[in-house]
Amino acid sequence: MRSCDDIDEQALSYAEIKALCAGDPRIREKMDLDVQVAKLKVLRGDFQNQKYRLEDKLLKTFPEEIQKQKTRIAALQQDSQIAAAHPQDKENFCGMTIKGMVYDDKKAAGERLLLARQEMPNADMMLLGTYRGFELNIRFDSFKNEHQAVLRAELSYPVSLGDDARGNITRLDHAIDNFADRIADAENALQNLEQ
């Protein structure tokens, strides 16, 4: 632990004045030892608190975090399989279902998504349809003050909606790409937790 001495002007306590007046060096030595004992008690208390915190982490926090990370990795792997089963070509559009209607044109699907954003009755999450095997929802995030499309399977992938119809579809595609990198990051985090 870090510690420092008081650097204010030197002030003598009543006991120190008494020791100086008495001329007995043992009284001054006792005062110095009392100060050292008080410092050591504080250090021991800090050490005990830190030890208990680490024991709590080892027995409770780290095992919970490790289990959460393993669950997240499994969920990412399942979502990766869904995305791989519904690939998106850069030139073609695999289609989107919104409120029971299938849209095969990228621009038309993007425009319908923008219309759904305007039709939202409240800020709660609302199911719209499906896209590339994922459930497609829409919500208003009051914290960020923006509408979001949320792709859901095992995990949720929120996407900020802009005013460009085609751009929103591209954003949705980016949200469910790069699962290999996400899984690698999650596995690294798991290794760190285990270490």
N, C-alpha and C. Protein backbone atom coordinates (compact mmCIF):
# COMPACT_ATOMS: atom_id res chain seq x y z
N MET A 1 0.85 -1.19 0.00
CA MET A 1 0.00 0.00 0.00
C MET A 1 0.89 1.24 0.00
N ARG A 2 0.39 2.29 -0.61
CA ARG A 2 1.13 3.55 -0.62
C ARG A 2 0.80 4.32 0.64
N SER A 3 1.80 4.98 1.18
CA SER A 3 1.59 5.83 2.36
C SER A 3 2.51 7.02 2.29
N CYS A 4 2.15 8.07 2.98
CA CYS A 4 3.02 9.25 3.03
C CYS A 4 2.84 9.92 4.38
N ASP A 5 3.85 10.63 4.75
CA ASP A 5 3.80 11.36 6.01
C ASP A 5 3.15 12.72 5.78
N ASP A 6 2.60 13.25 6.85
CA ASP A 6 2.02 14.58 6.80
C ASP A 6 3.13 15.60 6.59
N ILE A 7 3.00 16.41 5.54
CA ILE A 7 4.08 17.37 5.24
C ILE A 7 3.71 18.78 5.70
N ASP A 8 2.63 18.90 6.46
CA ASP A 8 2.30 20.20 7.03
C ASP A 8 3.36 20.59 8.05
N GLU A 9 3.27 21.81 8.54
CA GLU A 9 4.26 22.26 9.50
C GLU A 9 4.24 21.36 10.73
N GLN A 10 5.40 21.17 11.28
CA GLN A 10 5.55 20.25 12.42
C GLN A 10 4.78 20.78 13.62
N ALA A 11 3.90 19.95 14.17
CA ALA A 11 3.15 20.34 15.37
C ALA A 11 3.38 19.27 16.42
N LEU A 12 3.73 19.67 17.59
CA LEU A 12 4.01 18.73 18.67
C LEU A 12 2.73 18.43 19.45
N SER A 13 2.57 17.15 19.79
CA SER A 13 1.42 16.77 20.61
C SER A 13 1.73 17.10 22.08
N TYR A 14 0.70 17.04 22.90
CA TYR A 14 0.89 17.30 24.33
C TYR A 14 1.88 16.30 24.92
N ALA A 15 1.78 15.02 24.50
CA ALA A 15 2.68 14.00 25.04
C ALA A 15 4.12 14.27 24.64
N GLU A 16 4.34 14.76 23.42
CA GLU A 16 5.70 15.06 22.99
C GLU A 16 6.28 16.25 23.76
N ILE A 17 5.45 17.23 23.99
CA ILE A 17 5.91 18.38 24.79
C ILE A 17 6.28 17.93 26.19
N LYS A 18 5.44 17.04 26.74
CA LYS A 18 5.71 16.51 28.07
C LYS A 18 7.04 15.75 28.10
N ALA A 19 7.29 14.95 27.02
CA ALA A 19 8.52 14.17 26.95
C ALA A 19 9.74 15.08 26.85
N LEU A 20 9.60 16.14 26.06
CA LEU A 20 10.72 17.07 25.92
C LEU A 20 11.01 17.80 27.24
N CYS A 21 9.95 18.16 27.95
CA CYS A 21 10.12 18.86 29.23
C CYS A 21 10.74 17.94 30.29
N ALA A 22 10.33 16.69 30.26
CA ALA A 22 10.84 15.75 31.27
C ALA A 22 12.28 15.37 30.98
N GLY A 23 12.70 15.47 29.74
CA GLY A 23 14.07 15.14 29.39
C GLY A 23 14.32 13.64 29.35
N ASP A 24 13.28 12.84 29.44
CA ASP A 24 13.43 11.38 29.41
C ASP A 24 13.24 10.88 27.98
N PRO A 25 14.31 10.34 27.36
CA PRO A 25 14.19 9.89 25.96
C PRO A 25 13.26 8.67 25.81
N ARG A 26 13.02 7.94 26.90
CA ARG A 26 12.14 6.76 26.80
C ARG A 26 10.69 7.16 26.51
N ILE A 27 10.27 8.33 27.02
CA ILE A 27 8.90 8.78 26.76
C ILE A 27 8.74 9.13 25.28
N ARG A 28 9.75 9.79 24.71
CA ARG A 28 9.69 10.11 23.28
C ARG A 28 9.72 8.83 22.44
N GLU A 29 10.53 7.88 22.82
CA GLU A 29 10.60 6.61 22.10
C GLU A 29 9.25 5.90 22.15
N LYS A 30 8.57 5.96 23.31
CA LYS A 30 7.25 5.33 23.44
C LYS A 30 6.24 6.01 22.50
N MET A 31 6.31 7.34 22.41
CA MET A 31 5.41 8.05 21.51
C MET A 31 5.64 7.64 20.06
N ASP A 32 6.92 7.53 19.66
CA ASP A 32 7.24 7.11 18.29
C ASP A 32 6.73 5.70 18.02
N LEU A 33 6.89 4.82 19.01
CA LEU A 33 6.41 3.45 18.84
C LEU A 33 4.89 3.40 18.74
N ASP A 34 4.18 4.23 19.50
CA ASP A 34 2.72 4.28 19.40
C ASP A 34 2.27 4.68 17.99
N VAL A 35 2.98 5.67 17.42
CA VAL A 35 2.66 6.09 16.06
C VAL A 35 2.90 4.95 15.07
N GLN A 36 4.03 4.25 15.22
CA GLN A 36 4.33 3.12 14.33
C GLN A 36 3.29 2.01 14.47
N VAL A 37 2.87 1.72 15.69
CA VAL A 37 1.85 0.68 15.91
C VAL A 37 0.54 1.07 15.24
N ALA A 38 0.15 2.35 15.33
CA ALA A 38 -1.08 2.81 14.69
C ALA A 38 -0.99 2.64 13.17
N LYS A 39 0.18 2.99 12.59
CA LYS A 39 0.36 2.81 11.14
C LYS A 39 0.27 1.34 10.76
N LEU A 40 0.89 0.47 11.55
CA LEU A 40 0.87 -0.97 11.24
C LEU A 40 -0.54 -1.54 11.35
N LYS A 41 -1.33 -1.03 12.30
CA LYS A 41 -2.72 -1.50 12.43
C LYS A 41 -3.52 -1.14 11.18
N VAL A 42 -3.31 0.07 10.67
CA VAL A 42 -4.00 0.49 9.45
C VAL A 42 -3.58 -0.38 8.28
N LEU A 43 -2.27 -0.64 8.16
CA LEU A 43 -1.77 -1.50 7.08
C LEU A 43 -2.34 -2.91 7.18
N ARG A 44 -2.40 -3.44 8.42
CA ARG A 44 -2.96 -4.78 8.60
C ARG A 44 -4.43 -4.82 8.20
N GLY A 45 -5.18 -3.79 8.56
CA GLY A 45 -6.59 -3.73 8.17
C GLY A 45 -6.76 -3.69 6.67
N ASP A 46 -5.92 -2.87 5.98
CA ASP A 46 -5.98 -2.82 4.52
C ASP A 46 -5.63 -4.17 3.91
N PHE A 47 -4.61 -4.82 4.46
CA PHE A 47 -4.20 -6.13 3.95
C PHE A 47 -5.33 -7.15 4.12
N GLN A 48 -5.97 -7.16 5.28
CA GLN A 48 -7.06 -8.10 5.52
C GLN A 48 -8.23 -7.85 4.57
N ASN A 49 -8.56 -6.57 4.37
CA ASN A 49 -9.65 -6.25 3.44
C ASN A 49 -9.33 -6.72 2.03
N GLN A 50 -8.11 -6.47 1.58
CA GLN A 50 -7.70 -6.89 0.25
C GLN A 50 -7.72 -8.41 0.14
N LYS A 51 -7.26 -9.09 1.17
CA LYS A 51 -7.26 -10.55 1.18
C LYS A 51 -8.68 -11.10 1.08
N TYR A 52 -9.62 -10.53 1.85
CA TYR A 52 -11.01 -10.99 1.81
C TYR A 52 -11.64 -10.72 0.45
N ARG A 53 -11.32 -9.56 -0.15
CA ARG A 53 -11.85 -9.26 -1.49
C ARG A 53 -11.35 -10.28 -2.51
N LEU A 54 -10.06 -10.61 -2.44
CA LEU A 54 -9.51 -11.59 -3.38
C LEU A 54 -10.09 -12.97 -3.15
N GLU A 55 -10.28 -13.36 -1.89
CA GLU A 55 -10.91 -14.65 -1.60
C GLU A 55 -12.32 -14.70 -2.16
N ASP A 56 -13.06 -13.60 -2.01
CA ASP A 56 -14.42 -13.53 -2.53
C ASP A 56 -14.41 -13.66 -4.05
N LYS A 57 -13.45 -12.99 -4.70
CA LYS A 57 -13.35 -13.10 -6.16
C LYS A 57 -13.03 -14.53 -6.58
N LEU A 58 -12.10 -15.17 -5.86
CA LEU A 58 -11.71 -16.54 -6.23
C LEU A 58 -12.85 -17.53 -6.02
N LEU A 59 -13.62 -17.34 -4.96
CA LEU A 59 -14.67 -18.31 -4.63
C LEU A 59 -15.99 -18.03 -5.34
N LYS A 60 -16.26 -16.75 -5.65
CA LYS A 60 -17.58 -16.42 -6.18
C LYS A 60 -17.52 -15.70 -7.52
N THR A 61 -16.83 -14.56 -7.58
CA THR A 61 -16.88 -13.70 -8.76
C THR A 61 -16.27 -14.35 -9.99
N PHE A 62 -15.04 -14.84 -9.87
CA PHE A 62 -14.37 -15.42 -11.04
C PHE A 62 -15.09 -16.65 -11.58
N PRO A 63 -15.54 -17.60 -10.74
CA PRO A 63 -16.29 -18.74 -11.31
C PRO A 63 -17.56 -18.30 -12.04
N GLU A 64 -18.27 -17.28 -11.51
CA GLU A 64 -19.47 -16.78 -12.19
C GLU A 64 -19.10 -16.15 -13.53
N GLU A 65 -18.04 -15.34 -13.54
CA GLU A 65 -17.61 -14.69 -14.78
C GLU A 65 -17.14 -15.71 -15.81
N ILE A 66 -16.44 -16.74 -15.36
CA ILE A 66 -15.98 -17.80 -16.28
C ILE A 66 -17.18 -18.50 -16.89
N GLN A 67 -18.19 -18.81 -16.09
CA GLN A 67 -19.39 -19.48 -16.61
C GLN A 67 -20.13 -18.58 -17.60
N LYS A 68 -20.24 -17.30 -17.29
CA LYS A 68 -20.89 -16.36 -18.21
C LYS A 68 -20.14 -16.29 -19.53
N GLN A 69 -18.80 -16.27 -19.45
CA GLN A 69 -18.00 -16.18 -20.68
C GLN A 69 -18.15 -17.45 -21.52
N LYS A 70 -18.20 -18.62 -20.87
CA LYS A 70 -18.40 -19.87 -21.61
C LYS A 70 -19.77 -19.88 -22.29
N THR A 71 -20.78 -19.39 -21.58
CA THR A 71 -22.13 -19.31 -22.16
C THR A 71 -22.13 -18.35 -23.35
N ARG A 72 -21.42 -17.23 -23.22
CA ARG A 72 -21.34 -16.26 -24.31
C ARG A 72 -20.64 -16.85 -25.53
N ILE A 73 -19.58 -17.61 -25.31
CA ILE A 73 -18.86 -18.22 -26.43
C ILE A 73 -19.78 -19.21 -27.15
N ALA A 74 -20.50 -20.02 -26.40
CA ALA A 74 -21.43 -20.99 -27.01
C ALA A 74 -22.51 -20.25 -27.81
N ALA A 75 -23.03 -19.15 -27.25
CA ALA A 75 -24.06 -18.38 -27.95
C ALA A 75 -23.50 -17.75 -29.23
N LEU A 76 -22.28 -17.22 -29.16
CA LEU A 76 -21.66 -16.65 -30.36
C LEU A 76 -21.45 -17.71 -31.44
N GLN A 77 -21.06 -18.91 -31.03
CA GLN A 77 -20.86 -19.99 -32.00
C GLN A 77 -22.18 -20.37 -32.67
N GLN A 78 -23.27 -20.41 -31.90
CA GLN A 78 -24.57 -20.74 -32.50
C GLN A 78 -25.03 -19.63 -33.44
N ASP A 79 -24.84 -18.37 -33.03
CA ASP A 79 -25.21 -17.25 -33.90
C ASP A 79 -24.35 -17.23 -35.16
N SER A 80 -23.10 -17.62 -35.02
CA SER A 80 -22.21 -17.70 -36.17
C SER A 80 -22.72 -18.73 -37.19
N GLN A 81 -23.22 -19.83 -36.68
CA GLN A 81 -23.78 -20.87 -37.58
C GLN A 81 -25.03 -20.35 -38.29
N ILE A 82 -25.87 -19.59 -37.58
CA ILE A 82 -27.06 -19.02 -38.21
C ILE A 82 -26.65 -18.06 -39.32
N ALA A 83 -25.68 -17.18 -39.04
CA ALA A 83 -25.22 -16.21 -40.05
C ALA A 83 -24.59 -16.93 -41.24
N ALA A 84 -23.85 -18.02 -40.97
CA ALA A 84 -23.22 -18.77 -42.07
C ALA A 84 -24.26 -19.48 -42.92
N ALA A 85 -25.36 -19.90 -42.30
CA ALA A 85 -26.42 -20.60 -43.05
C ALA A 85 -27.24 -19.63 -43.90
N HIS A 86 -27.16 -18.33 -43.62
CA HIS A 86 -27.89 -17.31 -44.37
C HIS A 86 -26.90 -16.24 -44.85
N PRO A 87 -26.03 -16.60 -45.81
CA PRO A 87 -25.00 -15.64 -46.23
C PRO A 87 -25.62 -14.48 -47.03
N GLN A 88 -24.90 -13.39 -47.02
CA GLN A 88 -25.34 -12.21 -47.77
C GLN A 88 -24.27 -11.89 -48.80
N ASP A 89 -24.64 -11.99 -50.08
CA ASP A 89 -23.71 -11.58 -51.13
C ASP A 89 -23.64 -10.06 -51.17
N LYS A 90 -22.50 -9.54 -51.61
CA LYS A 90 -22.36 -8.10 -51.66
C LYS A 90 -23.26 -7.49 -52.75
N GLU A 91 -23.50 -8.24 -53.83
CA GLU A 91 -24.32 -7.70 -54.91
C GLU A 91 -25.79 -8.06 -54.74
N ASN A 92 -26.05 -9.23 -54.18
CA ASN A 92 -27.42 -9.70 -54.06
C ASN A 92 -27.97 -9.39 -52.67
N PHE A 93 -29.26 -9.58 -52.53
CA PHE A 93 -29.94 -9.35 -51.26
C PHE A 93 -30.72 -10.62 -50.95
N CYS A 94 -30.49 -11.17 -49.77
CA CYS A 94 -31.12 -12.46 -49.44
C CYS A 94 -32.57 -12.32 -49.01
N GLY A 95 -33.04 -11.11 -48.82
CA GLY A 95 -34.44 -10.90 -48.48
C GLY A 95 -34.65 -10.62 -47.00
N MET A 96 -35.75 -9.91 -46.72
CA MET A 96 -36.09 -9.54 -45.35
C MET A 96 -37.60 -9.65 -45.20
N THR A 97 -38.02 -10.19 -44.06
CA THR A 97 -39.45 -10.28 -43.76
C THR A 97 -39.79 -9.22 -42.72
N ILE A 98 -40.75 -8.35 -43.08
CA ILE A 98 -41.21 -7.31 -42.16
C ILE A 98 -42.73 -7.38 -42.08
N LYS A 99 -43.23 -7.64 -40.88
CA LYS A 99 -44.66 -7.74 -40.62
C LYS A 99 -45.36 -8.69 -41.61
N GLY A 100 -44.74 -9.85 -41.81
CA GLY A 100 -45.34 -10.89 -42.64
C GLY A 100 -45.10 -10.75 -44.12
N MET A 101 -44.55 -9.65 -44.58
CA MET A 101 -44.29 -9.47 -46.01
C MET A 101 -42.81 -9.65 -46.30
N VAL A 102 -42.51 -10.36 -47.38
CA VAL A 102 -41.13 -10.63 -47.77
C VAL A 102 -40.69 -9.58 -48.79
N TYR A 103 -39.55 -8.97 -48.52
CA TYR A 103 -38.99 -7.96 -49.42
C TYR A 103 -37.70 -8.51 -50.01
N ASP A 104 -37.69 -8.64 -51.37
CA ASP A 104 -36.52 -9.17 -52.05
C ASP A 104 -35.59 -8.08 -52.56
N ASP A 105 -36.07 -6.84 -52.55
CA ASP A 105 -35.26 -5.72 -53.02
C ASP A 105 -34.66 -4.99 -51.81
N LYS A 106 -33.37 -4.75 -51.87
CA LYS A 106 -32.66 -4.13 -50.74
C LYS A 106 -33.21 -2.75 -50.42
N LYS A 107 -33.45 -1.94 -51.45
CA LYS A 107 -33.94 -0.58 -51.22
C LYS A 107 -35.36 -0.61 -50.63
N ALA A 108 -36.21 -1.48 -51.17
CA ALA A 108 -37.59 -1.57 -50.67
C ALA A 108 -37.62 -2.03 -49.21
N ALA A 109 -36.75 -2.99 -48.87
CA ALA A 109 -36.69 -3.46 -47.48
C ALA A 109 -36.19 -2.35 -46.56
N GLY A 110 -35.20 -1.60 -47.03
CA GLY A 110 -34.68 -0.49 -46.23
C GLY A 110 -35.71 0.60 -46.02
N GLU A 111 -36.49 0.90 -47.07
CA GLU A 111 -37.54 1.91 -46.94
C GLU A 111 -38.64 1.44 -46.00
N ARG A 112 -38.97 0.15 -46.06
CA ARG A 112 -40.00 -0.38 -45.15
C ARG A 112 -39.51 -0.34 -43.71
N LEU A 113 -38.22 -0.55 -43.52
CA LEU A 113 -37.63 -0.46 -42.18
C LEU A 113 -37.73 0.97 -41.65
N LEU A 114 -37.47 1.96 -42.52
CA LEU A 114 -37.61 3.36 -42.13
C LEU A 114 -39.06 3.70 -41.80
N LEU A 115 -40.00 3.14 -42.56
CA LEU A 115 -41.41 3.38 -42.29
C LEU A 115 -41.81 2.76 -40.96
N ALA A 116 -41.29 1.57 -40.67
CA ALA A 116 -41.58 0.92 -39.38
C ALA A 116 -41.04 1.75 -38.22
N ARG A 117 -39.93 2.41 -38.44
CA ARG A 117 -39.36 3.28 -37.41
C ARG A 117 -40.33 4.42 -37.09
N GLN A 118 -40.97 4.98 -38.12
CA GLN A 118 -41.91 6.08 -37.90
C GLN A 118 -43.22 5.60 -37.29
N GLU A 119 -43.58 4.33 -37.52
CA GLU A 119 -44.86 3.79 -37.04
C GLU A 119 -44.79 3.30 -35.60
N MET A 120 -43.61 3.36 -34.97
CA MET A 120 -43.48 2.83 -33.61
C MET A 120 -44.44 3.53 -32.66
N PRO A 121 -45.30 2.77 -31.96
CA PRO A 121 -46.25 3.42 -31.04
C PRO A 121 -45.60 3.92 -29.76
N ASN A 122 -44.54 3.26 -29.29
CA ASN A 122 -43.87 3.69 -28.06
C ASN A 122 -42.41 3.24 -28.12
N ALA A 123 -41.70 3.42 -27.02
CA ALA A 123 -40.26 3.14 -27.01
C ALA A 123 -39.95 1.68 -26.74
N ASP A 124 -40.96 0.85 -26.47
CA ASP A 124 -40.71 -0.57 -26.18
C ASP A 124 -40.23 -1.30 -27.43
N MET A 125 -39.51 -2.40 -27.22
CA MET A 125 -39.04 -3.19 -28.34
C MET A 125 -40.23 -3.85 -29.03
N MET A 126 -40.22 -3.81 -30.36
CA MET A 126 -41.32 -4.35 -31.14
C MET A 126 -40.76 -5.31 -32.19
N LEU A 127 -41.36 -6.49 -32.28
CA LEU A 127 -40.94 -7.49 -33.27
C LEU A 127 -41.42 -7.07 -34.65
N LEU A 128 -40.47 -7.01 -35.60
CA LEU A 128 -40.81 -6.64 -36.98
C LEU A 128 -40.89 -7.85 -37.89
N GLY A 129 -39.89 -8.74 -37.79
CA GLY A 129 -39.83 -9.87 -38.71
C GLY A 129 -38.53 -10.61 -38.56
N THR A 130 -37.94 -11.00 -39.69
CA THR A 130 -36.68 -11.75 -39.66
C THR A 130 -35.74 -11.22 -40.74
N TYR A 131 -34.45 -11.43 -40.48
CA TYR A 131 -33.43 -11.08 -41.46
C TYR A 131 -32.25 -12.01 -41.28
N ARG A 132 -31.89 -12.72 -42.33
CA ARG A 132 -30.76 -13.65 -42.35
C ARG A 132 -30.81 -14.67 -41.20
N GLY A 133 -32.02 -15.12 -40.88
CA GLY A 133 -32.17 -16.13 -39.83
C GLY A 133 -32.28 -15.55 -38.43
N PHE A 134 -32.12 -14.27 -38.28
CA PHE A 134 -32.21 -13.60 -36.98
C PHE A 134 -33.57 -12.92 -36.84
N GLU A 135 -34.06 -12.87 -35.62
CA GLU A 135 -35.28 -12.12 -35.33
C GLU A 135 -34.97 -10.63 -35.45
N LEU A 136 -35.81 -9.90 -36.15
CA LEU A 136 -35.59 -8.46 -36.36
C LEU A 136 -36.59 -7.68 -35.51
N ASN A 137 -36.05 -6.87 -34.60
CA ASN A 137 -36.85 -6.04 -33.72
C ASN A 137 -36.48 -4.58 -33.93
N ILE A 138 -37.33 -3.69 -33.44
CA ILE A 138 -37.03 -2.26 -33.49
C ILE A 138 -37.37 -1.66 -32.13
N ARG A 139 -36.58 -0.67 -31.72
CA ARG A 139 -36.81 -0.02 -30.44
C ARG A 139 -36.26 1.40 -30.50
N PHE A 140 -36.69 2.20 -29.53
CA PHE A 140 -36.13 3.54 -29.38
C PHE A 140 -35.28 3.56 -28.12
N ASP A 141 -34.00 3.87 -28.28
CA ASP A 141 -33.08 3.95 -27.16
C ASP A 141 -33.09 5.39 -26.64
N SER A 142 -33.77 5.59 -25.51
CA SER A 142 -33.89 6.95 -24.98
C SER A 142 -32.56 7.48 -24.44
N PHE A 143 -31.67 6.59 -24.02
CA PHE A 143 -30.37 7.03 -23.52
C PHE A 143 -29.54 7.64 -24.65
N LYS A 144 -29.53 6.99 -25.81
CA LYS A 144 -28.77 7.50 -26.96
C LYS A 144 -29.63 8.39 -27.85
N ASN A 145 -30.94 8.44 -27.58
CA ASN A 145 -31.89 9.24 -28.35
C ASN A 145 -31.86 8.84 -29.83
N GLU A 146 -32.01 7.53 -30.08
CA GLU A 146 -31.99 7.04 -31.45
C GLU A 146 -32.83 5.79 -31.57
N HIS A 147 -33.31 5.54 -32.80
CA HIS A 147 -34.01 4.29 -33.08
C HIS A 147 -32.95 3.23 -33.41
N GLN A 148 -33.25 2.01 -32.98
CA GLN A 148 -32.31 0.91 -33.24
C GLN A 148 -33.06 -0.30 -33.76
N ALA A 149 -32.44 -0.98 -34.70
CA ALA A 149 -32.89 -2.30 -35.10
C ALA A 149 -32.07 -3.28 -34.26
N VAL A 150 -32.72 -4.32 -33.76
CA VAL A 150 -32.03 -5.29 -32.91
C VAL A 150 -32.19 -6.67 -33.53
N LEU A 151 -31.08 -7.25 -33.95
CA LEU A 151 -31.08 -8.62 -34.46
C LEU A 151 -30.85 -9.56 -33.28
N ARG A 152 -31.72 -10.58 -33.15
CA ARG A 152 -31.63 -11.47 -31.99
C ARG A 152 -31.67 -12.92 -32.42
N ALA A 153 -30.80 -13.68 -31.80
CA ALA A 153 -30.85 -15.14 -31.85
C ALA A 153 -30.51 -15.58 -30.43
N GLU A 154 -29.31 -16.10 -30.21
CA GLU A 154 -28.88 -16.40 -28.84
C GLU A 154 -28.49 -15.11 -28.11
N LEU A 155 -27.89 -14.18 -28.84
CA LEU A 155 -27.51 -12.87 -28.29
C LEU A 155 -28.20 -11.77 -29.10
N SER A 156 -28.16 -10.55 -28.61
CA SER A 156 -28.76 -9.42 -29.31
C SER A 156 -27.67 -8.55 -29.92
N TYR A 157 -27.98 -8.01 -31.11
CA TYR A 157 -27.03 -7.16 -31.82
C TYR A 157 -27.74 -5.87 -32.24
N PRO A 158 -27.64 -4.80 -31.42
CA PRO A 158 -28.32 -3.55 -31.75
C PRO A 158 -27.59 -2.78 -32.84
N VAL A 159 -28.38 -2.12 -33.71
CA VAL A 159 -27.84 -1.35 -34.82
C VAL A 159 -28.56 -0.01 -34.85
N SER A 160 -27.80 1.08 -34.87
CA SER A 160 -28.40 2.42 -34.99
C SER A 160 -28.98 2.58 -36.38
N LEU A 161 -30.21 3.09 -36.44
CA LEU A 161 -30.85 3.31 -37.73
C LEU A 161 -30.64 4.75 -38.17
N GLY A 162 -30.17 4.90 -39.40
CA GLY A 162 -30.00 6.23 -39.99
C GLY A 162 -31.13 6.54 -40.94
N ASP A 163 -30.92 7.50 -41.83
CA ASP A 163 -31.96 7.91 -42.78
C ASP A 163 -31.77 7.29 -44.15
N ASP A 164 -30.68 6.55 -44.37
CA ASP A 164 -30.40 5.94 -45.67
C ASP A 164 -30.94 4.51 -45.67
N ALA A 165 -31.85 4.22 -46.60
CA ALA A 165 -32.49 2.90 -46.65
C ALA A 165 -31.47 1.78 -46.89
N ARG A 166 -30.62 1.95 -47.87
CA ARG A 166 -29.61 0.92 -48.17
C ARG A 166 -28.55 0.85 -47.07
N GLY A 167 -28.20 2.01 -46.52
CA GLY A 167 -27.19 2.05 -45.47
C GLY A 167 -27.62 1.28 -44.23
N ASN A 168 -28.90 1.31 -43.90
CA ASN A 168 -29.38 0.56 -42.74
C ASN A 168 -29.23 -0.94 -42.94
N ILE A 169 -29.48 -1.42 -44.16
CA ILE A 169 -29.32 -2.85 -44.44
C ILE A 169 -27.84 -3.22 -44.32
N THR A 170 -26.95 -2.35 -44.81
CA THR A 170 -25.51 -2.60 -44.69
C THR A 170 -25.10 -2.65 -43.23
N ARG A 171 -25.66 -1.76 -42.41
CA ARG A 171 -25.36 -1.78 -40.98
C ARG A 171 -25.81 -3.08 -40.33
N LEU A 172 -26.97 -3.58 -40.73
CA LEU A 172 -27.45 -4.86 -40.20
C LEU A 172 -26.49 -5.99 -40.56
N ASP A 173 -25.99 -5.96 -41.81
CA ASP A 173 -25.04 -6.99 -42.23
C ASP A 173 -23.75 -6.92 -41.42
N HIS A 174 -23.26 -5.71 -41.16
CA HIS A 174 -22.04 -5.55 -40.37
C HIS A 174 -22.22 -6.04 -38.94
N ALA A 175 -23.43 -5.89 -38.42
CA ALA A 175 -23.69 -6.29 -37.03
C ALA A 175 -23.57 -7.79 -36.82
N ILE A 176 -23.82 -8.56 -37.88
CA ILE A 176 -23.74 -10.03 -37.73
C ILE A 176 -22.62 -10.62 -38.57
N ASP A 177 -21.61 -9.82 -38.85
CA ASP A 177 -20.39 -10.32 -39.49
C ASP A 177 -19.29 -10.42 -38.45
N ASN A 178 -18.16 -10.96 -38.85
CA ASN A 178 -16.96 -11.05 -38.01
C ASN A 178 -17.17 -11.85 -36.72
N PHE A 179 -17.92 -12.94 -36.81
CA PHE A 179 -18.11 -13.77 -35.62
C PHE A 179 -16.81 -14.43 -35.20
N ALA A 180 -15.92 -14.71 -36.15
CA ALA A 180 -14.64 -15.34 -35.81
C ALA A 180 -13.84 -14.43 -34.86
N ASP A 181 -13.83 -13.12 -35.14
CA ASP A 181 -13.11 -12.19 -34.26
C ASP A 181 -13.77 -12.08 -32.89
N ARG A 182 -15.11 -12.06 -32.89
CA ARG A 182 -15.83 -11.97 -31.61
C ARG A 182 -15.58 -13.20 -30.75
N ILE A 183 -15.58 -14.37 -31.38
CA ILE A 183 -15.34 -15.60 -30.63
C ILE A 183 -13.91 -15.62 -30.10
N ALA A 184 -12.95 -15.18 -30.93
CA ALA A 184 -11.55 -15.14 -30.49
C ALA A 184 -11.38 -14.18 -29.31
N ASP A 185 -12.03 -13.02 -29.35
CA ASP A 185 -11.96 -12.07 -28.23
C ASP A 185 -12.55 -12.67 -26.96
N ALA A 186 -13.69 -13.35 -27.12
CA ALA A 186 -14.34 -13.96 -25.95
C ALA A 186 -13.48 -15.07 -25.37
N GLU A 187 -12.80 -15.85 -26.22
CA GLU A 187 -11.92 -16.91 -25.73
C GLU A 187 -10.70 -16.33 -25.02
N ASN A 188 -10.17 -15.21 -25.52
CA ASN A 188 -9.06 -14.54 -24.84
C ASN A 188 -9.50 -14.03 -23.47
N ALA A 189 -10.70 -13.47 -23.40
CA ALA A 189 -11.22 -12.99 -22.11
C ALA A 189 -11.39 -14.15 -21.15
N LEU A 190 -11.82 -15.30 -21.65
CA LEU A 190 -11.98 -16.49 -20.81
C LEU A 190 -10.62 -16.96 -20.27
N GLN A 191 -9.59 -16.95 -21.12
CA GLN A 191 -8.26 -17.34 -20.68
C GLN A 191 -7.76 -16.40 -19.58
N ASN A 192 -7.99 -15.10 -19.76
CA ASN A 192 -7.58 -14.13 -18.74
C ASN A 192 -8.29 -14.38 -17.42
N LEU A 193 -9.58 -14.67 -17.48
CA LEU A 193 -10.32 -14.95 -16.25
C LEU A 193 -9.78 -16.21 -15.56
N GLU A 194 -9.49 -17.24 -16.35
CA GLU A 194 -8.98 -18.48 -15.77
C GLU A 194 -7.60 -18.29 -15.16
N GLN A 195 -6.78 -17.48 -15.82
CA GLN A 195 -5.45 -17.20 -15.25
C GLN A 195 -5.59 -16.43 -13.96
